[in-house]
Amino acid sequence: MTWGAVAAATVGAVAGGISANKAKNAQKDAAKAGMDSQERMFEKSLELQQPYRQAGYDALEQLQGFNDPTQRGQMLGDYYASPEYLAQQNQAEQLTLQNRAVQGGLRSGSTYSNLQTIAPQLGQNYLSNRYNQLTGLANLGMGAASQGASSANNLGVNQALGFQQIGTAQANAALAQGNQANQLFGTLGGIYKNSQGG
């Protein structure tokens, strides 16, 4: 009878340890799967944000050119050589001449003066509009970069929680196995004490 009790206690302790180990592995696998899924979603998020970040980086580089008079001059030169400028200049000159003709001041000095201001006004409008467009793109890129940084932070927090869950599962399994061993030794001690008569 004593050996049967010892065997039963030993089998119970081993079975409890195996169960604790299985539970630990299941919790560890689930936490790891969750962490892997978060990483995949984070990578996909960065991939989707990439065009916006790149547009923002490119716009920021061009915006920095506005601080350089040489680059600003190059921008204006490119604009003045473009079909867009020629179309706008022709339209502005025609409107000026039509208005002066209606008012009877077609050959006045103010007409010539107004025609001379068309190019600088169009150039200034072009630079202002271009600056605003680039600022919008840079802000779009900054938003995507900020969203990526926020996602990275969230991933870090969630990964830390996943590792904490894995650690908790391992600790709980170790405690359960320790409890099983304590119960086994307690049972064996009780059996030994009983077998000794007291």
C-alpha atoms as a PDB file:
ATOM      1  CA  MET A   1       0.000   0.000   0.000  1.00  0.00           C
ATOM      2  CA  THR A   2       2.854   2.373   0.749  1.00  0.00           C
ATOM      3  CA  TRP A   3       4.463   1.865  -2.659  1.00  0.00           C
ATOM      4  CA  GLY A   4       1.129   2.426  -4.383  1.00  0.00           C
ATOM      5  CA  ALA A   5       0.673   5.760  -2.594  1.00  0.00           C
ATOM      6  CA  VAL A   6       4.226   6.783  -3.541  1.00  0.00           C
ATOM      7  CA  ALA A   7       3.592   5.894  -7.183  1.00  0.00           C
ATOM      8  CA  ALA A   8       0.277   7.763  -7.217  1.00  0.00           C
ATOM      9  CA  ALA A   9       1.818  10.862  -5.673  1.00  0.00           C
ATOM     10  CA  THR A  10       4.746  10.738  -8.107  1.00  0.00           C
ATOM     11  CA  VAL A  11       2.497  10.302 -11.152  1.00  0.00           C
ATOM     12  CA  GLY A  12       0.269  13.148  -9.930  1.00  0.00           C
ATOM     13  CA  ALA A  13       3.256  15.462  -9.500  1.00  0.00           C
ATOM     14  CA  VAL A  14       4.666  14.585 -12.917  1.00  0.00           C
ATOM     15  CA  ALA A  15       1.244  15.026 -14.565  1.00  0.00           C
ATOM     16  CA  GLY A  16       0.803  18.400 -12.840  1.00  0.00           C
ATOM     17  CA  GLY A  17       4.231  19.495 -14.018  1.00  0.00           C
ATOM     18  CA  ILE A  18       3.459  18.437 -17.590  1.00  0.00           C
ATOM     19  CA  SER A  19       0.152  20.320 -17.483  1.00  0.00           C
ATOM     20  CA  ALA A  20       1.846  23.438 -16.129  1.00  0.00           C
ATOM     21  CA  ASN A  21       4.458  23.206 -18.874  1.00  0.00           C
ATOM     22  CA  LYS A  22       1.772  22.827 -21.572  1.00  0.00           C
ATOM     23  CA  ALA A  23      -0.110  25.818 -20.189  1.00  0.00           C
ATOM     24  CA  LYS A  24       3.102  27.853 -20.184  1.00  0.00           C
ATOM     25  CA  ASN A  25       3.853  26.925 -23.793  1.00  0.00           C
ATOM     26  CA  ALA A  26       0.299  27.712 -24.916  1.00  0.00           C
ATOM     27  CA  GLN A  27       0.395  31.162 -23.285  1.00  0.00           C
ATOM     28  CA  LYS A  28       3.901  31.808 -24.631  1.00  0.00           C
ATOM     29  CA  ASP A  29       2.856  30.781 -28.162  1.00  0.00           C
ATOM     30  CA  ALA A  30      -0.247  32.974 -28.027  1.00  0.00           C
ATOM     31  CA  ALA A  31       1.744  36.000 -26.844  1.00  0.00           C
ATOM     32  CA  LYS A  32       4.380  35.404 -29.520  1.00  0.00           C
ATOM     33  CA  ALA A  33       1.707  35.083 -32.238  1.00  0.00           C
ATOM     34  CA  GLY A  34       0.168  38.357 -31.082  1.00  0.00           C
ATOM     35  CA  MET A  35       3.541  40.078 -31.156  1.00  0.00           C
ATOM     36  CA  ASP A  36       4.285  38.734 -34.644  1.00  0.00           C
ATOM     37  CA  SER A  37       0.925  39.991 -35.871  1.00  0.00           C
ATOM     38  CA  GLN A  38       1.614  43.449 -34.428  1.00  0.00           C
ATOM     39  CA  GLU A  39       4.981  43.560 -36.175  1.00  0.00           C
ATOM     40  CA  ARG A  40       3.421  42.629 -39.526  1.00  0.00           C
ATOM     41  CA  MET A  41       0.766  45.333 -39.136  1.00  0.00           C
ATOM     42  CA  PHE A  42       3.413  47.875 -38.150  1.00  0.00           C
ATOM     43  CA  GLU A  43       5.498  47.046 -41.240  1.00  0.00           C
ATOM     44  CA  LYS A  44       2.396  47.273 -43.459  1.00  0.00           C
ATOM     45  CA  SER A  45       1.515  50.627 -41.911  1.00  0.00           C
ATOM     46  CA  LEU A  46       5.005  51.971 -42.655  1.00  0.00           C
ATOM     47  CA  GLU A  47       4.766  50.643 -46.207  1.00  0.00           C
ATOM     48  CA  LEU A  48       1.440  52.436 -46.771  1.00  0.00           C
ATOM     49  CA  GLN A  49       2.785  55.687 -45.301  1.00  0.00           C
ATOM     50  CA  GLN A  50       5.997  55.628 -47.357  1.00  0.00           C
ATOM     51  CA  PRO A  51       4.749  57.631 -50.389  1.00  0.00           C
ATOM     52  CA  TYR A  52       3.434  60.380 -48.115  1.00  0.00           C
ATOM     53  CA  ARG A  53       6.636  60.526 -46.092  1.00  0.00           C
ATOM     54  CA  GLN A  54       8.688  60.647 -49.289  1.00  0.00           C
ATOM     55  CA  ALA A  55       6.539  63.448 -50.724  1.00  0.00           C
ATOM     56  CA  GLY A  56       7.049  65.352 -47.482  1.00  0.00           C
ATOM     57  CA  TYR A  57      10.823  64.801 -47.522  1.00  0.00           C
ATOM     58  CA  ASP A  58      11.049  65.971 -51.152  1.00  0.00           C
ATOM     59  CA  ALA A  59       8.893  69.025 -50.434  1.00  0.00           C
ATOM     60  CA  LEU A  60      10.952  69.897 -47.367  1.00  0.00           C
ATOM     61  CA  GLU A  61      14.132  69.800 -49.434  1.00  0.00           C
ATOM     62  CA  GLN A  62      12.565  72.145 -51.993  1.00  0.00           C
ATOM     63  CA  LEU A  63      11.259  74.432 -49.251  1.00  0.00           C
ATOM     64  CA  GLN A  64      14.778  74.821 -47.943  1.00  0.00           C
ATOM     65  CA  GLY A  65      15.667  76.178 -51.380  1.00  0.00           C
ATOM     66  CA  PHE A  66      13.432  79.175 -50.737  1.00  0.00           C
ATOM     67  CA  ASN A  67      16.069  80.419 -48.273  1.00  0.00           C
ATOM     68  CA  ASP A  68      18.740  80.477 -50.983  1.00  0.00           C
ATOM     69  CA  PRO A  69      18.509  83.451 -53.394  1.00  0.00           C
ATOM     70  CA  THR A  70      20.267  81.459 -56.115  1.00  0.00           C
ATOM     71  CA  GLN A  71      17.745  78.629 -55.900  1.00  0.00           C
ATOM     72  CA  ARG A  72      14.840  81.092 -55.773  1.00  0.00           C
ATOM     73  CA  GLY A  73      16.229  82.736 -58.901  1.00  0.00           C
ATOM     74  CA  GLN A  74      16.459  79.344 -60.573  1.00  0.00           C
ATOM     75  CA  MET A  75      12.823  78.605 -59.653  1.00  0.00           C
ATOM     76  CA  LEU A  76      11.724  81.912 -61.160  1.00  0.00           C
ATOM     77  CA  GLY A  77      13.847  81.359 -64.268  1.00  0.00           C
ATOM     78  CA  ASP A  78      12.268  77.945 -64.782  1.00  0.00           C
ATOM     79  CA  TYR A  79       8.817  79.462 -64.283  1.00  0.00           C
ATOM     80  CA  TYR A  80       9.425  82.349 -66.716  1.00  0.00           C
ATOM     81  CA  ALA A  81      10.564  79.821 -69.349  1.00  0.00           C
ATOM     82  CA  SER A  82       7.465  77.659 -68.895  1.00  0.00           C
ATOM     83  CA  PRO A  83       4.338  77.549 -71.075  1.00  0.00           C
ATOM     84  CA  GLU A  84       2.318  78.243 -67.914  1.00  0.00           C
ATOM     85  CA  TYR A  85       3.975  81.647 -67.504  1.00  0.00           C
ATOM     86  CA  LEU A  86       3.588  82.556 -71.171  1.00  0.00           C
ATOM     87  CA  ALA A  87      -0.132  81.781 -71.084  1.00  0.00           C
ATOM     88  CA  GLN A  88      -0.638  83.793 -67.888  1.00  0.00           C
ATOM     89  CA  GLN A  89       1.425  86.709 -69.201  1.00  0.00           C
ATOM     90  CA  ASN A  90      -0.511  86.863 -72.470  1.00  0.00           C
ATOM     91  CA  GLN A  91      -3.822  86.764 -70.647  1.00  0.00           C
ATOM     92  CA  ALA A  92      -2.779  89.490 -68.180  1.00  0.00           C
ATOM     93  CA  GLU A  93      -1.471  91.746 -70.989  1.00  0.00           C
ATOM     94  CA  GLN A  94      -4.655  91.311 -73.023  1.00  0.00           C
ATOM     95  CA  LEU A  95      -6.839  92.152 -70.024  1.00  0.00           C
ATOM     96  CA  THR A  96      -4.737  95.230 -69.252  1.00  0.00           C
ATOM     97  CA  LEU A  97      -4.875  96.453 -72.849  1.00  0.00           C
ATOM     98  CA  GLN A  98      -8.623  95.799 -73.137  1.00  0.00           C
ATOM     99  CA  ASN A  99      -9.334  97.696 -69.914  1.00  0.00           C
ATOM    100  CA  ARG A 100      -7.189 100.645 -71.036  1.00  0.00           C
ATOM    101  CA  ALA A 101      -8.814 100.691 -74.468  1.00  0.00           C
ATOM    102  CA  VAL A 102     -12.270 100.832 -72.917  1.00  0.00           C
ATOM    103  CA  GLN A 103     -11.173 103.665 -70.619  1.00  0.00           C
ATOM    104  CA  GLY A 104      -9.454 105.544 -73.420  1.00  0.00           C
ATOM    105  CA  GLY A 105      -5.992 105.390 -71.870  1.00  0.00           C
ATOM    106  CA  LEU A 106      -4.422 102.813 -74.149  1.00  0.00           C
ATOM    107  CA  ARG A 107      -1.375 104.947 -74.964  1.00  0.00           C
ATOM    108  CA  SER A 108      -0.828 106.394 -71.512  1.00  0.00           C
ATOM    109  CA  GLY A 109       2.246 105.928 -69.380  1.00  0.00           C
ATOM    110  CA  SER A 110       0.247 104.065 -66.754  1.00  0.00           C
ATOM    111  CA  THR A 111      -0.623 101.419 -69.330  1.00  0.00           C
ATOM    112  CA  TYR A 112       3.046 100.820 -70.012  1.00  0.00           C
ATOM    113  CA  SER A 113       3.733 100.809 -66.263  1.00  0.00           C
ATOM    114  CA  ASN A 114       0.982  98.240 -65.666  1.00  0.00           C
ATOM    115  CA  LEU A 115       2.375  96.003 -68.420  1.00  0.00           C
ATOM    116  CA  GLN A 116       5.816  96.173 -66.793  1.00  0.00           C
ATOM    117  CA  THR A 117       4.490  94.896 -63.450  1.00  0.00           C
ATOM    118  CA  ILE A 118       2.869  91.759 -64.902  1.00  0.00           C
ATOM    119  CA  ALA A 119       6.020  89.600 -64.867  1.00  0.00           C
ATOM    120  CA  PRO A 120       7.083  90.442 -61.301  1.00  0.00           C
ATOM    121  CA  GLN A 121       3.518  89.957 -60.018  1.00  0.00           C
ATOM    122  CA  LEU A 122       3.171  86.627 -61.770  1.00  0.00           C
ATOM    123  CA  GLY A 123       6.590  85.560 -60.457  1.00  0.00           C
ATOM    124  CA  GLN A 124       5.722  86.545 -56.906  1.00  0.00           C
ATOM    125  CA  ASN A 125       2.380  84.753 -57.165  1.00  0.00           C
ATOM    126  CA  TYR A 126       4.155  81.672 -58.521  1.00  0.00           C
ATOM    127  CA  LEU A 127       6.649  81.629 -55.633  1.00  0.00           C
ATOM    128  CA  SER A 128       3.899  82.149 -53.046  1.00  0.00           C
ATOM    129  CA  ASN A 129       1.718  79.424 -54.524  1.00  0.00           C
ATOM    130  CA  ARG A 130       4.673  77.060 -54.859  1.00  0.00           C
ATOM    131  CA  TYR A 131       5.691  77.722 -51.260  1.00  0.00           C
ATOM    132  CA  ASN A 132       2.151  76.967 -50.065  1.00  0.00           C
ATOM    133  CA  GLN A 133       1.977  73.787 -52.145  1.00  0.00           C
ATOM    134  CA  LEU A 134       5.313  72.556 -50.814  1.00  0.00           C
ATOM    135  CA  THR A 135       4.318  73.439 -47.257  1.00  0.00           C
ATOM    136  CA  GLY A 136       1.163  71.353 -47.692  1.00  0.00           C
ATOM    137  CA  LEU A 137       3.202  68.400 -48.950  1.00  0.00           C
ATOM    138  CA  ALA A 138       5.747  68.798 -46.156  1.00  0.00           C
ATOM    139  CA  ASN A 139       2.921  68.826 -43.607  1.00  0.00           C
ATOM    140  CA  LEU A 140       1.456  65.715 -45.217  1.00  0.00           C
ATOM    141  CA  GLY A 141       4.831  63.998 -44.900  1.00  0.00           C
ATOM    142  CA  MET A 142       5.241  65.196 -41.325  1.00  0.00           C
ATOM    143  CA  GLY A 143       1.835  63.725 -40.489  1.00  0.00           C
ATOM    144  CA  ALA A 144       2.813  60.376 -41.987  1.00  0.00           C
ATOM    145  CA  ALA A 145       6.167  60.445 -40.177  1.00  0.00           C
ATOM    146  CA  SER A 146       4.431  61.305 -36.889  1.00  0.00           C
ATOM    147  CA  GLN A 147       1.948  58.516 -37.414  1.00  0.00           C
ATOM    148  CA  GLY A 148       4.834  56.130 -38.063  1.00  0.00           C
ATOM    149  CA  ALA A 149       6.587  57.271 -34.889  1.00  0.00           C
ATOM    150  CA  SER A 150       3.386  56.825 -32.909  1.00  0.00           C
ATOM    151  CA  SER A 151       2.921  53.352 -34.386  1.00  0.00           C
ATOM    152  CA  ALA A 152       6.500  52.474 -33.472  1.00  0.00           C
ATOM    153  CA  ASN A 153       5.897  53.631 -29.913  1.00  0.00           C
ATOM    154  CA  ASN A 154       2.675  51.616 -29.670  1.00  0.00           C
ATOM    155  CA  LEU A 155       4.433  48.569 -31.083  1.00  0.00           C
ATOM    156  CA  GLY A 156       7.165  48.929 -28.466  1.00  0.00           C
ATOM    157  CA  VAL A 157       4.626  49.143 -25.648  1.00  0.00           C
ATOM    158  CA  ASN A 158       2.658  46.168 -26.975  1.00  0.00           C
ATOM    159  CA  GLN A 159       5.819  44.127 -27.529  1.00  0.00           C
ATOM    160  CA  ALA A 160       6.888  44.839 -23.956  1.00  0.00           C
ATOM    161  CA  LEU A 161       3.486  43.642 -22.740  1.00  0.00           C
ATOM    162  CA  GLY A 162       3.862  40.507 -24.870  1.00  0.00           C
ATOM    163  CA  PHE A 163       7.254  39.760 -23.348  1.00  0.00           C
ATOM    164  CA  GLN A 164       5.768  40.400 -19.917  1.00  0.00           C
ATOM    165  CA  GLN A 165       3.022  37.862 -20.664  1.00  0.00           C
ATOM    166  CA  ILE A 166       5.625  35.326 -21.750  1.00  0.00           C
ATOM    167  CA  GLY A 167       7.598  35.959 -18.557  1.00  0.00           C
ATOM    168  CA  THR A 168       4.456  35.633 -16.451  1.00  0.00           C
ATOM    169  CA  ALA A 169       3.583  32.336 -18.139  1.00  0.00           C
ATOM    170  CA  GLN A 170       7.071  30.990 -17.510  1.00  0.00           C
ATOM    171  CA  ALA A 171       7.021  32.154 -13.898  1.00  0.00           C
ATOM    172  CA  ASN A 172       3.581  30.636 -13.298  1.00  0.00           C
ATOM    173  CA  ALA A 173       4.722  27.347 -14.812  1.00  0.00           C
ATOM    174  CA  ALA A 174       7.818  27.307 -12.621  1.00  0.00           C
ATOM    175  CA  LEU A 175       5.698  28.044  -9.545  1.00  0.00           C
ATOM    176  CA  ALA A 176       3.210  25.329 -10.476  1.00  0.00           C
ATOM    177  CA  GLN A 177       6.025  22.812 -10.929  1.00  0.00           C
ATOM    178  CA  GLY A 178       7.502  23.891  -7.606  1.00  0.00           C
ATOM    179  CA  ASN A 179       4.122  23.442  -5.921  1.00  0.00           C
ATOM    180  CA  GLN A 180       3.787  19.992  -7.459  1.00  0.00           C
ATOM    181  CA  ALA A 181       7.228  19.064  -6.146  1.00  0.00           C
ATOM    182  CA  ASN A 182       6.332  20.392  -2.676  1.00  0.00           C
ATOM    183  CA  GLN A 183       3.115  18.412  -2.695  1.00  0.00           C
ATOM    184  CA  LEU A 184       4.982  15.300  -3.796  1.00  0.00           C
ATOM    185  CA  PHE A 185       7.559  15.625  -1.064  1.00  0.00           C
ATOM    186  CA  GLY A 186       4.838  16.400   1.478  1.00  0.00           C
ATOM    187  CA  THR A 187       2.900  13.326   0.403  1.00  0.00           C
ATOM    188  CA  LEU A 188       6.025  11.179   0.463  1.00  0.00           C
ATOM    189  CA  GLY A 189       6.900  12.531   3.874  1.00  0.00           C
ATOM    190  CA  GLY A 190       3.425  11.735   5.132  1.00  0.00           C
ATOM    191  CA  ILE A 191       3.605   8.217   3.705  1.00  0.00           C
ATOM    192  CA  TYR A 192       7.004   7.668   5.293  1.00  0.00           C
ATOM    193  CA  LYS A 193       5.755   8.982   8.631  1.00  0.00           C
ATOM    194  CA  ASN A 194       2.683   6.743   8.480  1.00  0.00           C
ATOM    195  CA  SER A 195       4.785   3.740   7.515  1.00  0.00           C
ATOM    196  CA  GLN A 196       6.981   4.333  10.551  1.00  0.00           C
ATOM    197  CA  GLY A 197       3.968   4.178  12.765  1.00  0.00           C
ATOM    198  CA  GLY A 198       3.398   7.611  13.741  1.00  0.00           C
END
